[in-house]
Amino acid sequence: MDRYLREGEARGLAAATLARRRGELDRWGAWMKRRRPLPRLEAIGPPDLIAYVRARSAFHAKSTVAGTMSEMRGMGEFLVREGIWPSNPLRWLQGPRLDSRMRVPRRLGAGQMERLWRAASTHRSPYHRRLWTAVLGVLYGTGLRRGELVRLELSSWDRREGVLELDGRKTRRVRRVPLPALAAQCLEAYLPVRQQQLERHGRLGQRALFVSAAGERLSATSVSGAIGRLSRRAGLAGVTLHAFRHSCASDLLESGVGVAHVQQILGHQVLATTVRYLQVADPHRHAAMALHPINDWLAQEAA
């Protein structure tokens, strides 16, 4: 595996790509070592590979499965070049058909949200206190994607209408999303300290809505890193930036907002993408069951 990684490094692959490749191959290797009888590398065949892909695919997104298949194919080609495999069966192996019901979106509970906000509001840096409470408010309040967040401009915030205008780079259409009142307050409290920070660093021409302490546009990596640090300070594990999007969708549905409206807010192009959140929150289903005739029968029996 080390030779394969060095080969990728020689081809100029980014450090993040190499790290992702190493992690995927480590998982594959660890899984193979648990097989009994333990297969030799040169004897690994399609049944072993299919079994691993099936195990790796459960409860994962299509992008994760596609990345796994890509890394495995690349390793297979390397083993062929090294003369270890006579041919690469992964070249023709297709990823499994995924059932969307297998992957229920993760959702942050009210207690977890409160702990994250407390961690942000007690940050030792006054600027970061305002910045990250505003970012958390926008993430949870609108369910926007990470790329949409970092591409927000100062002009994206329509104060009079109370809406954020999100670009259409992913969805191919611009959408305007109302910001909840509390999230809007957090954003308004952040804007004056943003202006002070830009004046301090002589960057008054900066158009980005969310900027670092140095006055630069926040990057996707820096936002993910900050969310990770806040979650650790809050004593939470496994909190991802996308969890805010899942929580926004689930909580809106649970509050009685229609699926079509949630689809518009999140920018889903296909309604089926939004419908999967009904597995997490469906108030109508609970209301319907409350009207079930069995309730009257049980009440009579109890009396």
Foldseek 3Di string as FASTA:
>chain_A
DVVLLVVVVVVPDDPVVSVVLVVLVVVLVVVQCPDPVRDDPLPDDDVSVLVVLVVQPFQDDPVSSVVSLVSLQSVQVVCCVVVSYVHRPSVPDDHDDDDLLRHQAAADDPVLLVLLLVLLCPDPDPLSSLQVNLVLQCCQQQLEDLVQQLPFWPVQQDPVQQWGWTDCPPLVDIAIAHRDPVSSVSLVVNVVVLCVQCVVLVNNVGGTSHADSNNHRDDSVNVQVVSVVSSVVSVHPDDGSSNSSLNNLLVCQQVPNDLVVNCRSHVPPDSVVSVSSVVVHHNVVVVVVVPPCVVVVVVVVVD
